[in-house]
Amino acid sequence: GGVLKDTIQMIHGPLGCAYDTWHTKRYPTDNGHFNMKYVWSTDMKESHVVFGGEKRLEKSMHEAFDEMPDIKRMIVYTTCPTALIGDDIKAVAKKVMKDRPDVDVFTVECPGFSGVSQSKGHHVLNIGWINEKVETMEKEITSEYTMNFIGDFNIQGDTQLLQTYWDRLGIQVVAHFTGNGTYDDLRCMHQAQLNVVNCARSSGYIANELKKRYGIPRLDIDSWGFNYMAEGIRKICAFFGIEEKGEELIAEEYAKWKPKLDWYK
C-alpha cells in the first residue's frame, strides 16, 4: 500500500513502528514522490496502550486529512501494540468516513505481518482489498485491450518505463498494484481482461482471487532482463492477438539497447 501515490499511510502504533515506511524504500511517483516525502503515525504512548488508542487514531486521521486537503484516501495499519490491546480500527475508519463523506479509508489488520514472514501480511492486504474495495468504482475504458499490472512497485522507476511499452502496444492498464498507482484505480481492478503478475510472492493472492471471482485470467511474467522482458511482451501480446505489435516493440528496443549491452561482453 505504501507505494500508492495519492494515499496517506497511517501507522497506528508507537512512532518506531513507522520508521520503515519513510526513506527506506525506492518507490518514486510521477506526482513529486508524495509517498516518499511523508510518514504518518499515531505516535502512541504508554497511556494509550493502557487506556486504548482509538481516540488517538481518530484524532490523527482527522489531522492528516486537515494537513493535506488534496488527499482524500487513507490506509490505516495496525501494529503489534494496537492489535494486542484490541483497538477497533475499522470502527474508527467508518466514523471518520461518516464525518468526512469525501474520503475513503481502507484498514489493514496484519500486525507484525501476522506471521513469521511477510507472506501472511501480503495475503491479509490482498484479500481484504478485494473483499472491501474492488468493484466499488468504475473507470472509463479507452482501449479494447485492458489489463491489471500486479506486483510491480516502481522500484527506481521500472513501472513507469514499462508503462511506455503498454502505451505503445495500445494496452490500457486499469490498475497498477501498486507502483505509481492510485487508490481509486485499484477499486476498478474487476474491469480488466487480464491480470499480469510480475511479483507472485507479494501479489499473487489478489490475481488468484480476481480469477476466481471475475474470471480474469492470470499471466505471470518476469520483467528483469532483456530476454525475460521480451518473453513477457510476447505472452501478453499473444493473449490479446497483437503479436505483430509486440515483435515491432521488441525489435525497436533491441536495436536501441543491445549494442550497448554487447560492449560489456
C-alpha atoms as a PDB file:
ATOM      1  CA  GLY A   1       0.000   0.000   0.000  1.00  0.00           C
ATOM      2  CA  GLY A   2       2.811   2.391   0.770  1.00  0.00           C
ATOM      3  CA  VAL A   3       3.716   2.694  -2.895  1.00  0.00           C
ATOM      4  CA  LEU A   4       0.432   4.405  -3.845  1.00  0.00           C
ATOM      5  CA  LYS A   5       0.958   7.989  -4.933  1.00  0.00           C
ATOM      6  CA  ASP A   6      -2.254   9.548  -3.626  1.00  0.00           C
ATOM      7  CA  THR A   7      -2.817   7.876  -0.267  1.00  0.00           C
ATOM      8  CA  ILE A   8      -1.994   8.667   3.357  1.00  0.00           C
ATOM      9  CA  GLN A   9      -0.448   5.623   5.051  1.00  0.00           C
ATOM     10  CA  MET A  10      -1.396   5.850   8.732  1.00  0.00           C
ATOM     11  CA  ILE A  11       0.559   3.565  11.064  1.00  0.00           C
ATOM     12  CA  HIS A  12      -1.442   3.093  14.265  1.00  0.00           C
ATOM     13  CA  GLY A  13       1.130   2.455  16.950  1.00  0.00           C
ATOM     14  CA  PRO A  14       4.270   3.851  18.585  1.00  0.00           C
ATOM     15  CA  LEU A  15       6.391   6.079  16.390  1.00  0.00           C
ATOM     16  CA  GLY A  16       9.104   3.468  15.943  1.00  0.00           C
ATOM     17  CA  CYS A  17       6.667   1.184  14.124  1.00  0.00           C
ATOM     18  CA  ALA A  18       6.505   3.707  11.287  1.00  0.00           C
ATOM     19  CA  TYR A  19      10.244   4.007  10.704  1.00  0.00           C
ATOM     20  CA  ASP A  20      10.436   1.547   7.813  1.00  0.00           C
ATOM     21  CA  THR A  21       7.750   3.438   5.880  1.00  0.00           C
ATOM     22  CA  TRP A  22       9.913   6.511   5.327  1.00  0.00           C
ATOM     23  CA  HIS A  23      13.067   6.957   3.246  1.00  0.00           C
ATOM     24  CA  THR A  24      13.865   3.246   3.290  1.00  0.00           C
ATOM     25  CA  LYS A  25      12.092   2.386   0.030  1.00  0.00           C
ATOM     26  CA  ARG A  26      12.779   3.420  -3.563  1.00  0.00           C
ATOM     27  CA  TYR A  27       9.302   3.879  -4.961  1.00  0.00           C
ATOM     28  CA  PRO A  28       9.214   7.135  -6.980  1.00  0.00           C
ATOM     29  CA  THR A  29       5.984   8.501  -8.421  1.00  0.00           C
ATOM     30  CA  ASP A  30       5.058  10.950 -11.154  1.00  0.00           C
ATOM     31  CA  ASN A  31       3.422  13.406  -8.731  1.00  0.00           C
ATOM     32  CA  GLY A  32       6.542  14.585  -6.954  1.00  0.00           C
ATOM     33  CA  HIS A  33       7.098  11.426  -4.900  1.00  0.00           C
ATOM     34  CA  PHE A  34       4.351  12.239  -2.396  1.00  0.00           C
ATOM     35  CA  ASN A  35       4.545   8.778  -0.854  1.00  0.00           C
ATOM     36  CA  MET A  36       8.268   9.137  -0.127  1.00  0.00           C
ATOM     37  CA  LYS A  37       8.108  12.570   1.482  1.00  0.00           C
ATOM     38  CA  TYR A  38       5.924  11.878   4.486  1.00  0.00           C
ATOM     39  CA  VAL A  39       5.385   9.380   7.269  1.00  0.00           C
ATOM     40  CA  TRP A  40       2.194   9.211   9.304  1.00  0.00           C
ATOM     41  CA  SER A  41       1.939   7.731  12.775  1.00  0.00           C
ATOM     42  CA  THR A  42      -0.483   7.961  15.685  1.00  0.00           C
ATOM     43  CA  ASP A  43       2.616   8.092  17.936  1.00  0.00           C
ATOM     44  CA  MET A  44       1.028   6.064  20.719  1.00  0.00           C
ATOM     45  CA  LYS A  45       2.397   6.457  24.228  1.00  0.00           C
ATOM     46  CA  GLU A  46       2.174   4.176  27.242  1.00  0.00           C
ATOM     47  CA  SER A  47      -1.076   5.793  28.396  1.00  0.00           C
ATOM     48  CA  HIS A  48      -2.741   4.953  25.078  1.00  0.00           C
ATOM     49  CA  VAL A  49      -1.677   1.331  25.405  1.00  0.00           C
ATOM     50  CA  VAL A  50      -3.188   1.211  28.888  1.00  0.00           C
ATOM     51  CA  PHE A  51      -6.425   3.100  28.199  1.00  0.00           C
ATOM     52  CA  GLY A  52      -6.911   2.419  24.479  1.00  0.00           C
ATOM     53  CA  GLY A  53      -5.803   4.216  21.337  1.00  0.00           C
ATOM     54  CA  GLU A  54      -8.983   4.591  19.279  1.00  0.00           C
ATOM     55  CA  LYS A  55      -9.480   8.261  20.132  1.00  0.00           C
ATOM     56  CA  ARG A  56      -5.825   8.869  19.329  1.00  0.00           C
ATOM     57  CA  LEU A  57      -6.302   7.204  15.941  1.00  0.00           C
ATOM     58  CA  GLU A  58      -9.426   9.210  15.133  1.00  0.00           C
ATOM     59  CA  LYS A  59      -7.672  12.464  16.042  1.00  0.00           C
ATOM     60  CA  SER A  60      -4.622  11.551  13.948  1.00  0.00           C
ATOM     61  CA  MET A  61      -6.732  10.670  10.912  1.00  0.00           C
ATOM     62  CA  HIS A  62      -8.553  13.997  11.011  1.00  0.00           C
ATOM     63  CA  GLU A  63      -5.279  15.865  11.499  1.00  0.00           C
ATOM     64  CA  ALA A  64      -3.719  14.141   8.490  1.00  0.00           C
ATOM     65  CA  PHE A  65      -6.659  14.955   6.222  1.00  0.00           C
ATOM     66  CA  ASP A  66      -6.693  18.549   7.511  1.00  0.00           C
ATOM     67  CA  GLU A  67      -2.978  18.993   6.825  1.00  0.00           C
ATOM     68  CA  MET A  68      -3.299  17.530   3.319  1.00  0.00           C
ATOM     69  CA  PRO A  69      -6.659  18.729   1.993  1.00  0.00           C
ATOM     70  CA  ASP A  70      -5.957  17.483  -1.545  1.00  0.00           C
ATOM     71  CA  ILE A  71      -5.542  13.888  -0.354  1.00  0.00           C
ATOM     72  CA  LYS A  72      -8.822  12.032   0.144  1.00  0.00           C
ATOM     73  CA  ARG A  73      -7.631   8.442   0.558  1.00  0.00           C
ATOM     74  CA  MET A  74      -6.024   6.670   3.506  1.00  0.00           C
ATOM     75  CA  ILE A  75      -4.867   3.214   4.546  1.00  0.00           C
ATOM     76  CA  VAL A  76      -4.672   2.507   8.286  1.00  0.00           C
ATOM     77  CA  TYR A  77      -2.437  -0.265   9.616  1.00  0.00           C
ATOM     78  CA  THR A  78      -2.497  -1.960  12.987  1.00  0.00           C
ATOM     79  CA  THR A  79       0.766  -2.730  14.747  1.00  0.00           C
ATOM     80  CA  CYS A  80       1.592  -5.287  17.423  1.00  0.00           C
ATOM     81  CA  PRO A  81       0.695  -2.983  20.370  1.00  0.00           C
ATOM     82  CA  THR A  82      -2.638  -1.823  18.931  1.00  0.00           C
ATOM     83  CA  ALA A  83      -3.600  -5.363  17.987  1.00  0.00           C
ATOM     84  CA  LEU A  84      -2.764  -6.648  21.461  1.00  0.00           C
ATOM     85  CA  ILE A  85      -4.999  -4.066  23.152  1.00  0.00           C
ATOM     86  CA  GLY A  86      -7.798  -4.686  20.654  1.00  0.00           C
ATOM     87  CA  ASP A  87      -8.303  -1.259  19.086  1.00  0.00           C
ATOM     88  CA  ASP A  88     -11.162  -1.466  16.561  1.00  0.00           C
ATOM     89  CA  ILE A  89      -9.635   0.420  13.646  1.00  0.00           C
ATOM     90  CA  LYS A  90     -12.485  -0.479  11.282  1.00  0.00           C
ATOM     91  CA  ALA A  91     -15.000   1.222  13.561  1.00  0.00           C
ATOM     92  CA  VAL A  92     -12.810   4.319  13.759  1.00  0.00           C
ATOM     93  CA  ALA A  93     -12.412   4.373   9.971  1.00  0.00           C
ATOM     94  CA  LYS A  94     -16.185   4.166   9.481  1.00  0.00           C
ATOM     95  CA  LYS A  95     -16.698   7.068  11.887  1.00  0.00           C
ATOM     96  CA  VAL A  96     -14.138   9.232  10.097  1.00  0.00           C
ATOM     97  CA  MET A  97     -15.702   8.443   6.705  1.00  0.00           C
ATOM     98  CA  LYS A  98     -19.107   9.384   8.103  1.00  0.00           C
ATOM     99  CA  ASP A  99     -17.687  12.688   9.344  1.00  0.00           C
ATOM    100  CA  ARG A 100     -15.925  13.269   6.016  1.00  0.00           C
ATOM    101  CA  PRO A 101     -18.110  11.964   3.160  1.00  0.00           C
ATOM    102  CA  ASP A 102     -15.481  12.808   0.526  1.00  0.00           C
ATOM    103  CA  VAL A 103     -12.786  10.494   1.928  1.00  0.00           C
ATOM    104  CA  ASP A 104     -12.322   6.736   1.685  1.00  0.00           C
ATOM    105  CA  VAL A 105     -10.321   4.639   4.155  1.00  0.00           C
ATOM    106  CA  PHE A 106      -9.063   1.064   3.988  1.00  0.00           C
ATOM    107  CA  THR A 107      -7.845  -0.789   7.069  1.00  0.00           C
ATOM    108  CA  VAL A 108      -5.138  -3.456   7.194  1.00  0.00           C
ATOM    109  CA  GLU A 109      -5.085  -5.695  10.243  1.00  0.00           C
ATOM    110  CA  CYS A 110      -1.883  -7.708   9.976  1.00  0.00           C
ATOM    111  CA  PRO A 111       0.314  -6.629  12.914  1.00  0.00           C
ATOM    112  CA  GLY A 112       3.881  -7.794  12.511  1.00  0.00           C
ATOM    113  CA  PHE A 113       2.823  -9.210   9.123  1.00  0.00           C
ATOM    114  CA  SER A 114       0.707 -11.689  11.147  1.00  0.00           C
ATOM    115  CA  GLY A 115       3.314 -14.416  10.932  1.00  0.00           C
ATOM    116  CA  VAL A 116       6.943 -15.416  10.649  1.00  0.00           C
ATOM    117  CA  SER A 117       7.279 -13.995   7.132  1.00  0.00           C
ATOM    118  CA  GLN A 118       5.810 -11.168   5.093  1.00  0.00           C
ATOM    119  CA  SER A 119       3.664 -13.585   3.096  1.00  0.00           C
ATOM    120  CA  LYS A 120       0.758 -13.707   5.558  1.00  0.00           C
ATOM    121  CA  GLY A 121       0.682  -9.918   5.733  1.00  0.00           C
ATOM    122  CA  HIS A 122       0.569  -9.662   1.951  1.00  0.00           C
ATOM    123  CA  HIS A 123      -2.287 -12.174   1.940  1.00  0.00           C
ATOM    124  CA  VAL A 124      -4.281 -10.173   4.502  1.00  0.00           C
ATOM    125  CA  LEU A 125      -3.966  -6.957   2.494  1.00  0.00           C
ATOM    126  CA  ASN A 126      -4.655  -8.629  -0.883  1.00  0.00           C
ATOM    127  CA  ILE A 127      -7.793 -10.434   0.250  1.00  0.00           C
ATOM    128  CA  GLY A 128      -9.010  -7.532   2.365  1.00  0.00           C
ATOM    129  CA  TRP A 129      -8.761  -5.201  -0.611  1.00  0.00           C
ATOM    130  CA  ILE A 130     -10.715  -7.426  -2.977  1.00  0.00           C
ATOM    131  CA  ASN A 131     -13.355  -8.076  -0.303  1.00  0.00           C
ATOM    132  CA  GLU A 132     -13.903  -4.438   0.596  1.00  0.00           C
ATOM    133  CA  LYS A 133     -12.798  -2.179  -2.252  1.00  0.00           C
ATOM    134  CA  VAL A 134     -12.753  -3.905  -5.642  1.00  0.00           C
ATOM    135  CA  GLU A 135     -15.893  -3.148  -7.688  1.00  0.00           C
ATOM    136  CA  THR A 136     -16.716  -0.058  -5.628  1.00  0.00           C
ATOM    137  CA  MET A 137     -15.811   2.214  -8.552  1.00  0.00           C
ATOM    138  CA  GLU A 138     -15.825   2.159 -12.371  1.00  0.00           C
ATOM    139  CA  LYS A 139     -13.368   3.951 -14.652  1.00  0.00           C
ATOM    140  CA  GLU A 140     -13.530   4.880 -18.318  1.00  0.00           C
ATOM    141  CA  ILE A 141     -12.216   2.154 -20.600  1.00  0.00           C
ATOM    142  CA  THR A 142     -10.415   3.658 -23.597  1.00  0.00           C
ATOM    143  CA  SER A 143      -8.860   0.587 -25.261  1.00  0.00           C
ATOM    144  CA  GLU A 144     -10.077  -2.778 -26.494  1.00  0.00           C
ATOM    145  CA  TYR A 145      -7.138  -4.300 -24.593  1.00  0.00           C
ATOM    146  CA  THR A 146      -7.105  -3.917 -20.804  1.00  0.00           C
ATOM    147  CA  MET A 147      -5.039  -5.420 -18.014  1.00  0.00           C
ATOM    148  CA  ASN A 148      -4.032  -5.028 -14.389  1.00  0.00           C
ATOM    149  CA  PHE A 149      -0.282  -4.905 -13.803  1.00  0.00           C
ATOM    150  CA  ILE A 150       0.183  -6.639 -10.468  1.00  0.00           C
ATOM    151  CA  GLY A 151       3.222  -6.983  -8.240  1.00  0.00           C
ATOM    152  CA  ASP A 152       5.362  -4.196  -9.632  1.00  0.00           C
ATOM    153  CA  PHE A 153       6.295  -1.408  -7.252  1.00  0.00           C
ATOM    154  CA  ASN A 154       8.112   1.141  -9.414  1.00  0.00           C
ATOM    155  CA  ILE A 155      11.460   0.455  -7.788  1.00  0.00           C
ATOM    156  CA  GLN A 156      13.732   3.113  -9.278  1.00  0.00           C
ATOM    157  CA  GLY A 157      11.013   3.861 -11.846  1.00  0.00           C
ATOM    158  CA  ASP A 158      10.618   0.498 -13.588  1.00  0.00           C
ATOM    159  CA  THR A 159       6.799   0.667 -13.608  1.00  0.00           C
ATOM    160  CA  GLN A 160       6.914   3.996 -15.416  1.00  0.00           C
ATOM    161  CA  LEU A 161       9.315   2.583 -18.005  1.00  0.00           C
ATOM    162  CA  LEU A 162       7.120  -0.472 -18.568  1.00  0.00           C
ATOM    163  CA  GLN A 163       4.095   1.794 -18.922  1.00  0.00           C
ATOM    164  CA  THR A 164       5.680   3.257 -22.059  1.00  0.00           C
ATOM    165  CA  TYR A 165       5.651  -0.266 -23.537  1.00  0.00           C
ATOM    166  CA  TRP A 166       1.973  -0.811 -22.741  1.00  0.00           C
ATOM    167  CA  ASP A 167       1.145   2.591 -24.242  1.00  0.00           C
ATOM    168  CA  ARG A 168       2.981   1.724 -27.456  1.00  0.00           C
ATOM    169  CA  LEU A 169       1.104  -1.571 -27.644  1.00  0.00           C
ATOM    170  CA  GLY A 170      -2.245   0.160 -27.131  1.00  0.00           C
ATOM    171  CA  ILE A 171      -2.955  -1.679 -23.869  1.00  0.00           C
ATOM    172  CA  GLN A 172      -4.778   0.220 -21.140  1.00  0.00           C
ATOM    173  CA  VAL A 173      -3.595  -0.574 -17.628  1.00  0.00           C
ATOM    174  CA  VAL A 174      -6.704  -0.412 -15.466  1.00  0.00           C
ATOM    175  CA  ALA A 175      -4.727  -0.576 -12.223  1.00  0.00           C
ATOM    176  CA  HIS A 176      -1.122  -0.799 -11.106  1.00  0.00           C
ATOM    177  CA  PHE A 177      -0.793  -2.927  -7.986  1.00  0.00           C
ATOM    178  CA  THR A 178       0.807  -0.793  -6.719  1.00  0.00           C
ATOM    179  CA  GLY A 179       3.768   1.011  -8.321  1.00  0.00           C
ATOM    180  CA  ASN A 180       2.923   4.616  -9.235  1.00  0.00           C
ATOM    181  CA  GLY A 181      -0.683   3.550  -8.716  1.00  0.00           C
ATOM    182  CA  THR A 182      -3.739   5.238  -7.279  1.00  0.00           C
ATOM    183  CA  TYR A 183      -6.195   4.095  -4.646  1.00  0.00           C
ATOM    184  CA  ASP A 184      -9.235   4.531  -6.876  1.00  0.00           C
ATOM    185  CA  ASP A 185      -7.706   2.693  -9.837  1.00  0.00           C
ATOM    186  CA  LEU A 186      -7.297  -0.321  -7.576  1.00  0.00           C
ATOM    187  CA  ARG A 187     -11.021  -0.207  -6.873  1.00  0.00           C
ATOM    188  CA  CYS A 188     -11.583  -0.825 -10.607  1.00  0.00           C
ATOM    189  CA  MET A 189      -9.497  -3.992 -10.958  1.00  0.00           C
ATOM    190  CA  HIS A 190     -12.584  -6.035 -11.870  1.00  0.00           C
ATOM    191  CA  GLN A 191     -12.776  -4.209 -15.230  1.00  0.00           C
ATOM    192  CA  ALA A 192      -9.570  -5.688 -16.684  1.00  0.00           C
ATOM    193  CA  GLN A 193      -9.409  -8.531 -19.203  1.00  0.00           C
ATOM    194  CA  LEU A 194      -6.068  -9.861 -17.957  1.00  0.00           C
ATOM    195  CA  ASN A 195      -4.005  -9.874 -14.764  1.00  0.00           C
ATOM    196  CA  VAL A 196      -0.272  -9.672 -15.459  1.00  0.00           C
ATOM    197  CA  VAL A 197       1.738 -10.667 -12.378  1.00  0.00           C
ATOM    198  CA  ASN A 198       5.348  -9.545 -12.011  1.00  0.00           C
ATOM    199  CA  CYS A 199       5.912 -10.487  -8.346  1.00  0.00           C
ATOM    200  CA  ALA A 200       3.939 -13.580  -7.421  1.00  0.00           C
ATOM    201  CA  ARG A 201       5.060 -13.709  -3.802  1.00  0.00           C
ATOM    202  CA  SER A 202       3.607 -10.362  -2.758  1.00  0.00           C
ATOM    203  CA  SER A 203       0.585 -10.085  -5.030  1.00  0.00           C
ATOM    204  CA  GLY A 204      -0.315 -13.455  -6.471  1.00  0.00           C
ATOM    205  CA  TYR A 205      -3.148 -13.765  -3.979  1.00  0.00           C
ATOM    206  CA  ILE A 206      -5.205 -10.937  -5.446  1.00  0.00           C
ATOM    207  CA  ALA A 207      -4.626 -12.188  -9.001  1.00  0.00           C
ATOM    208  CA  ASN A 208      -5.940 -15.606  -7.990  1.00  0.00           C
ATOM    209  CA  GLU A 209      -8.998 -14.083  -6.338  1.00  0.00           C
ATOM    210  CA  LEU A 210      -9.734 -11.879  -9.353  1.00  0.00           C
ATOM    211  CA  LYS A 211      -9.656 -15.014 -11.498  1.00  0.00           C
ATOM    212  CA  LYS A 212     -11.917 -16.897  -9.097  1.00  0.00           C
ATOM    213  CA  ARG A 213     -14.473 -14.118  -8.645  1.00  0.00           C
ATOM    214  CA  TYR A 214     -14.429 -12.333 -12.007  1.00  0.00           C
ATOM    215  CA  GLY A 215     -12.941 -14.890 -14.391  1.00  0.00           C
ATOM    216  CA  ILE A 216      -9.938 -12.675 -15.216  1.00  0.00           C
ATOM    217  CA  PRO A 217      -7.026 -14.870 -16.391  1.00  0.00           C
ATOM    218  CA  ARG A 218      -3.646 -14.687 -14.666  1.00  0.00           C
ATOM    219  CA  LEU A 219      -0.418 -14.427 -16.667  1.00  0.00           C
ATOM    220  CA  ASP A 220       2.965 -14.398 -14.915  1.00  0.00           C
ATOM    221  CA  ILE A 221       5.965 -12.617 -16.423  1.00  0.00           C
ATOM    222  CA  ASP A 222       9.465 -11.598 -15.361  1.00  0.00           C
ATOM    223  CA  SER A 223      10.460  -8.087 -16.391  1.00  0.00           C
ATOM    224  CA  TRP A 224      14.052  -8.290 -15.172  1.00  0.00           C
ATOM    225  CA  GLY A 225      16.373  -8.713 -18.131  1.00  0.00           C
ATOM    226  CA  PHE A 226      16.200  -8.373 -21.903  1.00  0.00           C
ATOM    227  CA  ASN A 227      15.196 -11.919 -22.766  1.00  0.00           C
ATOM    228  CA  TYR A 228      12.737 -12.258 -19.895  1.00  0.00           C
ATOM    229  CA  MET A 229      11.073  -8.956 -20.783  1.00  0.00           C
ATOM    230  CA  ALA A 230      10.807  -9.921 -24.447  1.00  0.00           C
ATOM    231  CA  GLU A 231       9.230 -13.223 -23.442  1.00  0.00           C
ATOM    232  CA  GLY A 232       6.749 -11.388 -21.230  1.00  0.00           C
ATOM    233  CA  ILE A 233       5.769  -8.985 -24.001  1.00  0.00           C
ATOM    234  CA  ARG A 234       5.223 -11.914 -26.360  1.00  0.00           C
ATOM    235  CA  LYS A 235       2.977 -13.677 -23.845  1.00  0.00           C
ATOM    236  CA  ILE A 236       0.863 -10.567 -23.263  1.00  0.00           C
ATOM    237  CA  CYS A 237       0.573  -9.802 -26.972  1.00  0.00           C
ATOM    238  CA  ALA A 238      -0.374 -13.402 -27.731  1.00  0.00           C
ATOM    239  CA  PHE A 239      -3.232 -13.129 -25.246  1.00  0.00           C
ATOM    240  CA  PHE A 240      -4.596 -10.040 -26.994  1.00  0.00           C
ATOM    241  CA  GLY A 241      -3.803 -11.247 -30.527  1.00  0.00           C
ATOM    242  CA  ILE A 242      -1.408  -8.384 -31.280  1.00  0.00           C
ATOM    243  CA  GLU A 243       1.756 -10.400 -31.830  1.00  0.00           C
ATOM    244  CA  GLU A 244       2.999  -8.179 -34.667  1.00  0.00           C
ATOM    245  CA  LYS A 245       2.902  -5.097 -32.460  1.00  0.00           C
ATOM    246  CA  GLY A 246       4.852  -6.972 -29.825  1.00  0.00           C
ATOM    247  CA  GLU A 247       7.577  -8.036 -32.239  1.00  0.00           C
ATOM    248  CA  GLU A 248       7.904  -4.475 -33.531  1.00  0.00           C
ATOM    249  CA  LEU A 249       8.342  -3.183 -29.987  1.00  0.00           C
ATOM    250  CA  ILE A 250      10.914  -5.848 -29.115  1.00  0.00           C
ATOM    251  CA  ALA A 251      12.890  -5.154 -32.305  1.00  0.00           C
ATOM    252  CA  GLU A 252      12.948  -1.422 -31.585  1.00  0.00           C
ATOM    253  CA  GLU A 253      14.156  -1.928 -28.023  1.00  0.00           C
ATOM    254  CA  TYR A 254      16.777  -4.495 -29.032  1.00  0.00           C
ATOM    255  CA  ALA A 255      18.133  -2.114 -31.673  1.00  0.00           C
ATOM    256  CA  LYS A 256      18.360   0.642 -29.088  1.00  0.00           C
ATOM    257  CA  TRP A 257      19.985  -1.225 -26.207  1.00  0.00           C
ATOM    258  CA  LYS A 258      21.647  -4.448 -27.372  1.00  0.00           C
ATOM    259  CA  PRO A 259      24.765  -2.780 -28.857  1.00  0.00           C
ATOM    260  CA  LYS A 260      25.372  -1.024 -25.543  1.00  0.00           C
ATOM    261  CA  LEU A 261      24.970  -4.256 -23.592  1.00  0.00           C
ATOM    262  CA  ASP A 262      27.224  -6.156 -26.001  1.00  0.00           C
ATOM    263  CA  TRP A 263      30.046  -3.772 -25.087  1.00  0.00           C
ATOM    264  CA  TYR A 264      30.225  -5.450 -21.659  1.00  0.00           C
ATOM    265  CA  LYS A 265      30.820  -8.844 -23.256  1.00  0.00           C
END
